[in-house]
Amino acid sequence: MLAQAFARLGSRVTLVEALHQILNREDHDAAELIEKALRRDGVAINCCCNVTAARTENSERMLVLDGAGGCGELRVDEIVIGVGRAPNVEGLGLEAAGVDYDRNGVKDNDRLQTSNVRIFAAGDICRSYKLTHAADAMARIAIQNALFLGRAKVSALTMPCCTYTDLEIAHIGLYEKEAEKRGIPVQTLHQELKDVDRAVLNGETQGFVKIHLRNGTDQILGATVVARHAGEIVSELTLAIVGRLGLKAVARTIHPYPTQAEAIKKVADAYNRTRLTPLVKRMFEKWLAWMR
C-alpha cells in the first residue's frame, strides 16, 4: 500500500520481497493482480530477494540484494521497512496488576479475560488481528463479558480483512490452501469483473470474486474479492457466513442492477448451474416435453 502511494506521489519505488510473491498470505491470483497494478504505477518489484547488508554512503542508502529475484546493489534516498507492529505494554504496571504478558502482548483467554480475572484486554495489544474493526468487535465482547456476565468468545468471530491498495483485496473465511491443509474438500467458483456490467461502465474491469464452498454443498467457507472497492463488496459474503446462509440463499437475493456486487450474484447463479446434472437435465426435458 505504501509502495503504491509513494509511487503515485512521484517517488521512484523498488519493493523488495523475500518470498515468491507480494502479499504472500493472500490468494495467488489476487496477489498477481495487485502486483500488475503496482507495476502499472511504476513500482519495481523484486521477489525472492533478500537484503544481506545495508549501509550509508554520503547522502545515499545502499542495500545489498541476493536471491533469485535479483542480486547486486540498490542505491536509494530512503528505506522504508515493513516490520509489523509491536504491542505497547511497557510502563503500564501490568506486573503490579497481576496481568501476564510477553513480547507478543497481553495474554488473555478466548473471552478476553487476562490472568487477573477482573481485567480484560482487547485489540492490537493482545491479538494477532491488527485491524481497527477487529479491535472494535473485541471491545464489544470485552464489555459484554466484563459488565454483563457474558460468555462471548473471540473464536466465534468471522473477521473480514482488506488491503487498501488500488485494486483492493478483501477476504473472509478460509483460503483454499487453508481448507486443503485441514482436509476440507472445496469447490471454488470464480467471476471476473470484466463480465459485470457496472464494472464495464465504470471502466473497472480488473478484478474478480472467488468463493470457496464445502464440496457437495452451498456452504461458504471463504471468499476473496479483488476490485476497486472490494472492501465494500465483501460485507455481503461476511453476512452470509455469519448468518449461515448458503450460496443458494445468495442466488435468491435480488441485487440492484447495475452494481459491482452483482458479481456475487453471478457466482451464486453459476453454482445453481452446477446442480443441473445430466440426470436432472433429462428429467427437465421430459417434464417440459410432457407439458407441451
C-alpha atoms as a PDB file:
ATOM      1  CA  MET A   1       0.000   0.000   0.000  1.00  0.00           C
ATOM      2  CA  LEU A   2       2.763   2.457   0.946  1.00  0.00           C
ATOM      3  CA  ALA A   3       4.814   1.483  -2.111  1.00  0.00           C
ATOM      4  CA  GLN A   4       1.904   2.350  -4.398  1.00  0.00           C
ATOM      5  CA  ALA A   5       1.144   5.570  -2.515  1.00  0.00           C
ATOM      6  CA  PHE A   6       4.741   6.832  -2.739  1.00  0.00           C
ATOM      7  CA  ALA A   7       4.890   5.908  -6.430  1.00  0.00           C
ATOM      8  CA  ARG A   8       1.723   7.876  -7.138  1.00  0.00           C
ATOM      9  CA  LEU A   9       3.197  10.843  -5.275  1.00  0.00           C
ATOM     10  CA  GLY A  10       6.108  10.830  -7.703  1.00  0.00           C
ATOM     11  CA  SER A  11       8.786   8.764  -5.997  1.00  0.00           C
ATOM     12  CA  ARG A  12      10.712   6.009  -7.754  1.00  0.00           C
ATOM     13  CA  VAL A  13       9.965   2.948  -5.640  1.00  0.00           C
ATOM     14  CA  THR A  14      11.542  -0.502  -5.505  1.00  0.00           C
ATOM     15  CA  LEU A  15       9.720  -3.126  -3.459  1.00  0.00           C
ATOM     16  CA  VAL A  16      11.943  -5.934  -2.145  1.00  0.00           C
ATOM     17  CA  GLU A  17      10.140  -9.124  -1.061  1.00  0.00           C
ATOM     18  CA  ALA A  18      11.898 -12.207   0.336  1.00  0.00           C
ATOM     19  CA  LEU A  19       9.082 -14.586  -0.611  1.00  0.00           C
ATOM     20  CA  HIS A  20       7.897 -15.719  -4.029  1.00  0.00           C
ATOM     21  CA  GLN A  21       5.026 -13.228  -4.246  1.00  0.00           C
ATOM     22  CA  ILE A  22       3.952  -9.978  -2.642  1.00  0.00           C
ATOM     23  CA  LEU A  23       1.097 -10.278  -0.139  1.00  0.00           C
ATOM     24  CA  ASN A  24       2.141 -13.865   0.454  1.00  0.00           C
ATOM     25  CA  ARG A  25      -0.826 -14.712   2.691  1.00  0.00           C
ATOM     26  CA  GLU A  26      -3.317 -13.725   0.009  1.00  0.00           C
ATOM     27  CA  ASP A  27      -4.799 -15.784  -2.790  1.00  0.00           C
ATOM     28  CA  HIS A  28      -2.171 -16.196  -5.530  1.00  0.00           C
ATOM     29  CA  ASP A  29      -4.432 -14.854  -8.309  1.00  0.00           C
ATOM     30  CA  ALA A  30      -5.303 -11.830  -6.164  1.00  0.00           C
ATOM     31  CA  ALA A  31      -1.668 -11.062  -5.333  1.00  0.00           C
ATOM     32  CA  GLU A  32      -0.781 -11.371  -9.017  1.00  0.00           C
ATOM     33  CA  LEU A  33      -3.362  -8.725  -9.944  1.00  0.00           C
ATOM     34  CA  ILE A  34      -2.065  -6.359  -7.265  1.00  0.00           C
ATOM     35  CA  GLU A  35       1.484  -6.871  -8.498  1.00  0.00           C
ATOM     36  CA  LYS A  36       0.381  -5.891 -12.008  1.00  0.00           C
ATOM     37  CA  ALA A  37      -1.332  -2.789 -10.578  1.00  0.00           C
ATOM     38  CA  LEU A  38       1.826  -1.776  -8.693  1.00  0.00           C
ATOM     39  CA  ARG A  39       3.990  -2.255 -11.765  1.00  0.00           C
ATOM     40  CA  ARG A  40       1.481  -0.197 -13.760  1.00  0.00           C
ATOM     41  CA  ASP A  41       2.041   2.637 -11.275  1.00  0.00           C
ATOM     42  CA  GLY A  42       5.801   2.389 -11.721  1.00  0.00           C
ATOM     43  CA  VAL A  43       6.794   0.262  -8.713  1.00  0.00           C
ATOM     44  CA  ALA A  44       9.764  -2.011  -9.425  1.00  0.00           C
ATOM     45  CA  ILE A  45       9.256  -5.354  -7.643  1.00  0.00           C
ATOM     46  CA  ASN A  46      11.967  -7.829  -6.646  1.00  0.00           C
ATOM     47  CA  CYS A  47      10.509 -11.046  -5.227  1.00  0.00           C
ATOM     48  CA  CYS A  48      12.583 -13.983  -3.927  1.00  0.00           C
ATOM     49  CA  CYS A  49      15.178 -11.434  -2.915  1.00  0.00           C
ATOM     50  CA  ASN A  50      16.938 -10.976   0.447  1.00  0.00           C
ATOM     51  CA  VAL A  51      18.669  -7.900   1.829  1.00  0.00           C
ATOM     52  CA  THR A  52      22.059  -9.108   3.054  1.00  0.00           C
ATOM     53  CA  ALA A  53      23.568  -5.750   4.030  1.00  0.00           C
ATOM     54  CA  ALA A  54      22.707  -2.077   4.317  1.00  0.00           C
ATOM     55  CA  ARG A  55      24.928   0.969   4.694  1.00  0.00           C
ATOM     56  CA  THR A  56      25.039   4.703   4.121  1.00  0.00           C
ATOM     57  CA  GLU A  57      27.368   6.282   1.592  1.00  0.00           C
ATOM     58  CA  ASN A  58      27.366  10.075   1.559  1.00  0.00           C
ATOM     59  CA  SER A  59      23.710  11.064   1.192  1.00  0.00           C
ATOM     60  CA  GLU A  60      22.627   7.699  -0.206  1.00  0.00           C
ATOM     61  CA  ARG A  61      21.452   4.495   1.411  1.00  0.00           C
ATOM     62  CA  MET A  62      22.641   1.282  -0.151  1.00  0.00           C
ATOM     63  CA  LEU A  63      21.150  -2.196   0.072  1.00  0.00           C
ATOM     64  CA  VAL A  64      22.951  -5.355  -0.978  1.00  0.00           C
ATOM     65  CA  LEU A  65      20.491  -7.806  -2.529  1.00  0.00           C
ATOM     66  CA  ASP A  66      20.834 -11.532  -3.064  1.00  0.00           C
ATOM     67  CA  GLY A  67      18.406 -14.118  -4.384  1.00  0.00           C
ATOM     68  CA  ALA A  68      16.521 -15.367  -7.404  1.00  0.00           C
ATOM     69  CA  GLY A  69      14.758 -12.023  -7.700  1.00  0.00           C
ATOM     70  CA  GLY A  70      17.981 -10.121  -8.285  1.00  0.00           C
ATOM     71  CA  CYS A  71      21.496  -9.589  -6.973  1.00  0.00           C
ATOM     72  CA  GLY A  72      23.690  -6.550  -6.589  1.00  0.00           C
ATOM     73  CA  GLU A  73      23.397  -3.119  -5.028  1.00  0.00           C
ATOM     74  CA  LEU A  74      20.352  -0.892  -4.781  1.00  0.00           C
ATOM     75  CA  ARG A  75      21.044   2.793  -4.084  1.00  0.00           C
ATOM     76  CA  VAL A  76      18.159   4.863  -2.711  1.00  0.00           C
ATOM     77  CA  ASP A  77      17.403   8.093  -0.875  1.00  0.00           C
ATOM     78  CA  GLU A  78      15.294   6.471   1.846  1.00  0.00           C
ATOM     79  CA  ILE A  79      14.428   2.994   3.096  1.00  0.00           C
ATOM     80  CA  VAL A  80      11.007   2.048   4.471  1.00  0.00           C
ATOM     81  CA  ILE A  81      10.845  -1.296   6.272  1.00  0.00           C
ATOM     82  CA  GLY A  82       7.582  -3.153   6.865  1.00  0.00           C
ATOM     83  CA  VAL A  83       8.159  -4.893  10.193  1.00  0.00           C
ATOM     84  CA  GLY A  84       4.615  -5.086  11.536  1.00  0.00           C
ATOM     85  CA  ARG A  85       3.561  -3.837  14.946  1.00  0.00           C
ATOM     86  CA  ALA A  86       4.716  -4.427  18.489  1.00  0.00           C
ATOM     87  CA  PRO A  87       2.267  -4.127  21.411  1.00  0.00           C
ATOM     88  CA  ASN A  88       2.948  -1.157  23.668  1.00  0.00           C
ATOM     89  CA  VAL A  89       2.893  -2.785  27.102  1.00  0.00           C
ATOM     90  CA  GLU A  90       5.828  -1.006  28.703  1.00  0.00           C
ATOM     91  CA  GLY A  91       5.134   1.262  31.666  1.00  0.00           C
ATOM     92  CA  LEU A  92       1.568   0.089  32.211  1.00  0.00           C
ATOM     93  CA  GLY A  93       2.319  -1.542  35.564  1.00  0.00           C
ATOM     94  CA  LEU A  94       0.935  -4.869  34.412  1.00  0.00           C
ATOM     95  CA  GLU A  95       3.148  -6.778  36.821  1.00  0.00           C
ATOM     96  CA  ALA A  96       1.631  -4.942  39.780  1.00  0.00           C
ATOM     97  CA  ALA A  97      -1.848  -5.755  38.476  1.00  0.00           C
ATOM     98  CA  GLY A  98      -1.019  -9.435  38.040  1.00  0.00           C
ATOM     99  CA  VAL A  99      -1.508  -9.366  34.277  1.00  0.00           C
ATOM    100  CA  ASP A 100       0.728 -11.749  32.329  1.00  0.00           C
ATOM    101  CA  TYR A 101       2.282 -10.600  29.069  1.00  0.00           C
ATOM    102  CA  ASP A 102       5.216 -11.279  26.768  1.00  0.00           C
ATOM    103  CA  ARG A 103       6.759  -9.783  23.627  1.00  0.00           C
ATOM    104  CA  ASN A 104       3.573 -10.615  21.711  1.00  0.00           C
ATOM    105  CA  GLY A 105       1.381  -8.633  24.105  1.00  0.00           C
ATOM    106  CA  VAL A 106      -1.055  -9.231  26.916  1.00  0.00           C
ATOM    107  CA  LYS A 107      -2.120 -12.844  27.460  1.00  0.00           C
ATOM    108  CA  ASP A 108      -5.851 -13.417  27.667  1.00  0.00           C
ATOM    109  CA  ASN A 109      -8.307 -16.234  27.060  1.00  0.00           C
ATOM    110  CA  ASP A 110     -11.000 -16.700  24.438  1.00  0.00           C
ATOM    111  CA  ARG A 111     -13.310 -14.422  26.433  1.00  0.00           C
ATOM    112  CA  LEU A 112     -10.602 -11.719  26.613  1.00  0.00           C
ATOM    113  CA  GLN A 113     -10.036 -12.268  30.337  1.00  0.00           C
ATOM    114  CA  THR A 114      -6.431 -11.799  31.467  1.00  0.00           C
ATOM    115  CA  SER A 115      -4.609 -13.611  34.286  1.00  0.00           C
ATOM    116  CA  ASN A 116      -6.239 -11.043  36.572  1.00  0.00           C
ATOM    117  CA  VAL A 117      -9.852 -12.150  36.282  1.00  0.00           C
ATOM    118  CA  ARG A 118     -11.089  -8.594  36.823  1.00  0.00           C
ATOM    119  CA  ILE A 119      -9.119  -7.196  33.875  1.00  0.00           C
ATOM    120  CA  PHE A 120      -9.967  -7.751  30.220  1.00  0.00           C
ATOM    121  CA  ALA A 121      -7.859  -6.894  27.175  1.00  0.00           C
ATOM    122  CA  ALA A 122      -8.913  -6.273  23.583  1.00  0.00           C
ATOM    123  CA  GLY A 123      -7.424  -5.117  20.317  1.00  0.00           C
ATOM    124  CA  ASP A 124      -3.872  -4.889  18.990  1.00  0.00           C
ATOM    125  CA  ILE A 125      -2.323  -5.281  22.443  1.00  0.00           C
ATOM    126  CA  CYS A 126      -3.410  -8.910  22.760  1.00  0.00           C
ATOM    127  CA  ARG A 127      -4.441 -10.343  19.400  1.00  0.00           C
ATOM    128  CA  SER A 128      -2.933 -11.156  16.023  1.00  0.00           C
ATOM    129  CA  TYR A 129      -5.666  -9.196  14.232  1.00  0.00           C
ATOM    130  CA  LYS A 130      -4.144  -5.705  13.914  1.00  0.00           C
ATOM    131  CA  LEU A 131      -7.302  -4.201  12.447  1.00  0.00           C
ATOM    132  CA  THR A 132      -9.486  -1.317  13.602  1.00  0.00           C
ATOM    133  CA  HIS A 133     -12.721  -3.245  13.029  1.00  0.00           C
ATOM    134  CA  ALA A 134     -11.258  -6.248  14.868  1.00  0.00           C
ATOM    135  CA  ALA A 135     -10.442  -4.073  17.888  1.00  0.00           C
ATOM    136  CA  ASP A 136     -13.980  -2.675  17.817  1.00  0.00           C
ATOM    137  CA  ALA A 137     -15.519  -6.168  17.691  1.00  0.00           C
ATOM    138  CA  MET A 138     -13.321  -7.389  20.543  1.00  0.00           C
ATOM    139  CA  ALA A 139     -14.064  -4.313  22.652  1.00  0.00           C
ATOM    140  CA  ARG A 140     -17.757  -5.177  22.390  1.00  0.00           C
ATOM    141  CA  ILE A 141     -17.002  -8.711  23.587  1.00  0.00           C
ATOM    142  CA  ALA A 142     -14.915  -7.385  26.487  1.00  0.00           C
ATOM    143  CA  ILE A 143     -17.711  -5.041  27.598  1.00  0.00           C
ATOM    144  CA  GLN A 144     -20.324  -7.780  27.330  1.00  0.00           C
ATOM    145  CA  ASN A 145     -18.244 -10.258  29.314  1.00  0.00           C
ATOM    146  CA  ALA A 146     -16.858  -7.824  31.900  1.00  0.00           C
ATOM    147  CA  LEU A 147     -20.015  -5.877  32.718  1.00  0.00           C
ATOM    148  CA  PHE A 148     -22.897  -8.187  31.866  1.00  0.00           C
ATOM    149  CA  LEU A 149     -21.559 -11.652  32.756  1.00  0.00           C
ATOM    150  CA  GLY A 150     -21.437 -12.558  29.079  1.00  0.00           C
ATOM    151  CA  ARG A 151     -19.847 -15.674  27.604  1.00  0.00           C
ATOM    152  CA  ALA A 152     -18.943 -14.330  24.151  1.00  0.00           C
ATOM    153  CA  LYS A 153     -15.801 -15.739  22.528  1.00  0.00           C
ATOM    154  CA  VAL A 154     -13.285 -14.218  20.145  1.00  0.00           C
ATOM    155  CA  SER A 155     -13.008 -17.554  18.323  1.00  0.00           C
ATOM    156  CA  ALA A 156     -16.643 -17.182  17.257  1.00  0.00           C
ATOM    157  CA  LEU A 157     -15.896 -14.006  15.286  1.00  0.00           C
ATOM    158  CA  THR A 158     -15.869 -14.077  11.494  1.00  0.00           C
ATOM    159  CA  MET A 159     -13.229 -11.488  10.627  1.00  0.00           C
ATOM    160  CA  PRO A 160     -13.002  -9.860   7.198  1.00  0.00           C
ATOM    161  CA  CYS A 161      -9.835  -8.093   6.148  1.00  0.00           C
ATOM    162  CA  CYS A 162      -8.985  -5.670   3.380  1.00  0.00           C
ATOM    163  CA  THR A 163      -5.710  -4.456   1.893  1.00  0.00           C
ATOM    164  CA  TYR A 164      -6.234  -0.902   0.646  1.00  0.00           C
ATOM    165  CA  THR A 165      -4.145  -0.951  -2.460  1.00  0.00           C
ATOM    166  CA  ASP A 166      -5.695   0.012  -5.770  1.00  0.00           C
ATOM    167  CA  LEU A 167      -7.060  -2.534  -6.609  1.00  0.00           C
ATOM    168  CA  GLU A 168      -8.184  -3.594  -3.124  1.00  0.00           C
ATOM    169  CA  ILE A 169      -8.047  -7.179  -1.867  1.00  0.00           C
ATOM    170  CA  ALA A 170     -10.769  -8.187   0.585  1.00  0.00           C
ATOM    171  CA  HIS A 171     -11.032 -11.611   2.154  1.00  0.00           C
ATOM    172  CA  ILE A 172     -13.289 -13.501   4.545  1.00  0.00           C
ATOM    173  CA  GLY A 173     -13.085 -17.027   5.944  1.00  0.00           C
ATOM    174  CA  LEU A 174     -10.755 -19.766   4.732  1.00  0.00           C
ATOM    175  CA  TYR A 175      -8.311 -19.556   1.878  1.00  0.00           C
ATOM    176  CA  GLU A 176      -8.296 -22.551  -0.456  1.00  0.00           C
ATOM    177  CA  LYS A 177      -4.839 -23.603   0.769  1.00  0.00           C
ATOM    178  CA  GLU A 178      -6.055 -23.430   4.393  1.00  0.00           C
ATOM    179  CA  ALA A 179      -9.020 -25.671   3.602  1.00  0.00           C
ATOM    180  CA  GLU A 180      -6.693 -28.167   1.919  1.00  0.00           C
ATOM    181  CA  LYS A 181      -4.410 -28.236   4.973  1.00  0.00           C
ATOM    182  CA  ARG A 182      -7.436 -29.005   7.156  1.00  0.00           C
ATOM    183  CA  GLY A 183      -8.524 -31.778   4.832  1.00  0.00           C
ATOM    184  CA  ILE A 184     -11.707 -29.973   3.803  1.00  0.00           C
ATOM    185  CA  PRO A 185     -12.647 -30.632   0.149  1.00  0.00           C
ATOM    186  CA  VAL A 186     -13.678 -27.398  -1.575  1.00  0.00           C
ATOM    187  CA  GLN A 187     -15.379 -26.281  -4.744  1.00  0.00           C
ATOM    188  CA  THR A 188     -14.156 -22.902  -5.987  1.00  0.00           C
ATOM    189  CA  LEU A 189     -16.305 -20.610  -8.135  1.00  0.00           C
ATOM    190  CA  HIS A 190     -14.850 -17.589  -9.910  1.00  0.00           C
ATOM    191  CA  GLN A 191     -16.367 -14.491 -11.517  1.00  0.00           C
ATOM    192  CA  GLU A 192     -14.312 -11.928 -13.449  1.00  0.00           C
ATOM    193  CA  LEU A 193     -15.401  -8.291 -13.162  1.00  0.00           C
ATOM    194  CA  LYS A 194     -14.965  -7.827 -16.909  1.00  0.00           C
ATOM    195  CA  ASP A 195     -18.250  -9.704 -17.274  1.00  0.00           C
ATOM    196  CA  VAL A 196     -20.105  -7.494 -14.764  1.00  0.00           C
ATOM    197  CA  ASP A 197     -21.920  -4.617 -16.480  1.00  0.00           C
ATOM    198  CA  ARG A 198     -21.347  -1.984 -13.768  1.00  0.00           C
ATOM    199  CA  ALA A 199     -17.626  -2.719 -13.739  1.00  0.00           C
ATOM    200  CA  VAL A 200     -17.589  -2.290 -17.518  1.00  0.00           C
ATOM    201  CA  LEU A 201     -19.495   1.018 -17.250  1.00  0.00           C
ATOM    202  CA  ASN A 202     -17.045   2.276 -14.602  1.00  0.00           C
ATOM    203  CA  GLY A 203     -14.013   1.168 -16.575  1.00  0.00           C
ATOM    204  CA  GLU A 204     -13.008  -1.012 -13.590  1.00  0.00           C
ATOM    205  CA  THR A 205     -12.928  -4.410 -15.246  1.00  0.00           C
ATOM    206  CA  GLN A 206      -9.832  -5.723 -13.485  1.00  0.00           C
ATOM    207  CA  GLY A 207     -10.613  -7.962 -10.550  1.00  0.00           C
ATOM    208  CA  PHE A 208     -12.760 -10.905  -9.587  1.00  0.00           C
ATOM    209  CA  VAL A 209     -14.874 -12.586  -6.928  1.00  0.00           C
ATOM    210  CA  LYS A 210     -13.727 -16.041  -5.853  1.00  0.00           C
ATOM    211  CA  ILE A 211     -15.859 -18.103  -3.454  1.00  0.00           C
ATOM    212  CA  HIS A 212     -14.887 -21.387  -1.816  1.00  0.00           C
ATOM    213  CA  LEU A 213     -17.681 -23.828  -0.925  1.00  0.00           C
ATOM    214  CA  ARG A 214     -17.573 -27.034   1.071  1.00  0.00           C
ATOM    215  CA  ASN A 215     -17.593 -29.583  -1.729  1.00  0.00           C
ATOM    216  CA  GLY A 216     -21.044 -31.008  -2.408  1.00  0.00           C
ATOM    217  CA  THR A 217     -22.827 -28.215  -0.508  1.00  0.00           C
ATOM    218  CA  ASP A 218     -23.556 -24.500  -0.868  1.00  0.00           C
ATOM    219  CA  GLN A 219     -21.830 -23.670   2.449  1.00  0.00           C
ATOM    220  CA  ILE A 220     -19.493 -20.689   2.003  1.00  0.00           C
ATOM    221  CA  LEU A 221     -16.130 -21.417   3.612  1.00  0.00           C
ATOM    222  CA  GLY A 222     -14.286 -18.350   2.360  1.00  0.00           C
ATOM    223  CA  ALA A 223     -14.094 -15.733  -0.354  1.00  0.00           C
ATOM    224  CA  THR A 224     -11.650 -13.303  -1.928  1.00  0.00           C
ATOM    225  CA  VAL A 225     -12.669 -10.145  -3.768  1.00  0.00           C
ATOM    226  CA  VAL A 226     -10.310  -8.058  -5.893  1.00  0.00           C
ATOM    227  CA  ALA A 227     -11.852  -4.792  -7.068  1.00  0.00           C
ATOM    228  CA  ARG A 228     -11.580  -1.022  -6.785  1.00  0.00           C
ATOM    229  CA  HIS A 229     -13.964  -1.177  -3.796  1.00  0.00           C
ATOM    230  CA  ALA A 230     -13.509  -4.783  -2.681  1.00  0.00           C
ATOM    231  CA  GLY A 231     -13.906  -3.813   0.980  1.00  0.00           C
ATOM    232  CA  GLU A 232     -17.464  -2.697   0.251  1.00  0.00           C
ATOM    233  CA  ILE A 233     -18.365  -5.845  -1.691  1.00  0.00           C
ATOM    234  CA  VAL A 234     -17.070  -8.431   0.784  1.00  0.00           C
ATOM    235  CA  SER A 235     -19.534  -7.477   3.535  1.00  0.00           C
ATOM    236  CA  GLU A 236     -22.367  -9.369   1.832  1.00  0.00           C
ATOM    237  CA  LEU A 237     -20.301 -12.554   1.948  1.00  0.00           C
ATOM    238  CA  THR A 238     -19.331 -11.888   5.566  1.00  0.00           C
ATOM    239  CA  LEU A 239     -23.012 -11.585   6.460  1.00  0.00           C
ATOM    240  CA  ALA A 240     -23.775 -14.811   4.612  1.00  0.00           C
ATOM    241  CA  ILE A 241     -21.115 -16.706   6.584  1.00  0.00           C
ATOM    242  CA  VAL A 242     -22.150 -15.204   9.941  1.00  0.00           C
ATOM    243  CA  GLY A 243     -25.821 -15.868   9.212  1.00  0.00           C
ATOM    244  CA  ARG A 244     -25.044 -19.370   7.924  1.00  0.00           C
ATOM    245  CA  LEU A 245     -26.641 -18.559   4.600  1.00  0.00           C
ATOM    246  CA  GLY A 246     -25.517 -20.739   1.728  1.00  0.00           C
ATOM    247  CA  LEU A 247     -24.894 -19.650  -1.830  1.00  0.00           C
ATOM    248  CA  LYS A 248     -28.413 -20.769  -2.776  1.00  0.00           C
ATOM    249  CA  ALA A 249     -29.779 -18.038  -0.481  1.00  0.00           C
ATOM    250  CA  VAL A 250     -27.495 -15.516  -2.187  1.00  0.00           C
ATOM    251  CA  ALA A 251     -28.820 -16.651  -5.568  1.00  0.00           C
ATOM    252  CA  ARG A 252     -32.394 -15.967  -4.371  1.00  0.00           C
ATOM    253  CA  THR A 253     -31.420 -12.457  -3.224  1.00  0.00           C
ATOM    254  CA  ILE A 254     -32.241  -9.692  -5.713  1.00  0.00           C
ATOM    255  CA  HIS A 255     -29.235  -7.456  -6.342  1.00  0.00           C
ATOM    256  CA  PRO A 256     -29.754  -3.953  -7.782  1.00  0.00           C
ATOM    257  CA  TYR A 257     -28.688  -3.624 -11.395  1.00  0.00           C
ATOM    258  CA  PRO A 258     -26.165  -2.407 -12.328  1.00  0.00           C
ATOM    259  CA  THR A 259     -23.824  -2.790  -9.336  1.00  0.00           C
ATOM    260  CA  GLN A 260     -20.426  -4.406  -8.956  1.00  0.00           C
ATOM    261  CA  ALA A 261     -21.811  -6.541  -6.114  1.00  0.00           C
ATOM    262  CA  GLU A 262     -23.798  -8.305  -8.831  1.00  0.00           C
ATOM    263  CA  ALA A 263     -20.600 -10.322  -9.313  1.00  0.00           C
ATOM    264  CA  ILE A 264     -21.571 -12.245  -6.168  1.00  0.00           C
ATOM    265  CA  LYS A 265     -24.992 -12.959  -7.642  1.00  0.00           C
ATOM    266  CA  LYS A 266     -23.330 -14.245 -10.795  1.00  0.00           C
ATOM    267  CA  VAL A 267     -21.206 -16.643  -8.753  1.00  0.00           C
ATOM    268  CA  ALA A 268     -24.346 -17.867  -6.981  1.00  0.00           C
ATOM    269  CA  ASP A 269     -26.103 -18.390 -10.325  1.00  0.00           C
ATOM    270  CA  ALA A 270     -23.051 -20.306 -11.556  1.00  0.00           C
ATOM    271  CA  TYR A 271     -23.359 -22.563  -8.520  1.00  0.00           C
ATOM    272  CA  ASN A 272     -27.003 -23.260  -9.340  1.00  0.00           C
ATOM    273  CA  ARG A 273     -25.989 -24.259 -12.864  1.00  0.00           C
ATOM    274  CA  THR A 274     -23.595 -26.854 -11.440  1.00  0.00           C
ATOM    275  CA  ARG A 275     -26.614 -28.512  -9.839  1.00  0.00           C
ATOM    276  CA  LEU A 276     -28.054 -29.192 -13.313  1.00  0.00           C
ATOM    277  CA  THR A 277     -26.567 -32.672 -13.636  1.00  0.00           C
ATOM    278  CA  PRO A 278     -27.179 -34.791 -16.765  1.00  0.00           C
ATOM    279  CA  LEU A 279     -29.855 -36.726 -14.873  1.00  0.00           C
ATOM    280  CA  VAL A 280     -31.646 -33.560 -13.735  1.00  0.00           C
ATOM    281  CA  LYS A 281     -31.376 -32.126 -17.253  1.00  0.00           C
ATOM    282  CA  ARG A 282     -33.020 -35.231 -18.767  1.00  0.00           C
ATOM    283  CA  MET A 283     -35.801 -35.059 -16.191  1.00  0.00           C
ATOM    284  CA  PHE A 284     -36.435 -31.390 -17.051  1.00  0.00           C
ATOM    285  CA  GLU A 285     -36.504 -32.190 -20.758  1.00  0.00           C
ATOM    286  CA  LYS A 286     -39.041 -34.943 -20.198  1.00  0.00           C
ATOM    287  CA  TRP A 287     -41.156 -32.691 -17.975  1.00  0.00           C
ATOM    288  CA  LEU A 288     -41.161 -29.829 -20.483  1.00  0.00           C
ATOM    289  CA  ALA A 289     -41.947 -32.216 -23.344  1.00  0.00           C
ATOM    290  CA  TRP A 290     -44.894 -33.573 -21.365  1.00  0.00           C
ATOM    291  CA  MET A 291     -46.076 -30.025 -20.505  1.00  0.00           C
ATOM    292  CA  ARG A 292     -46.326 -29.188 -24.214  1.00  0.00           C
END
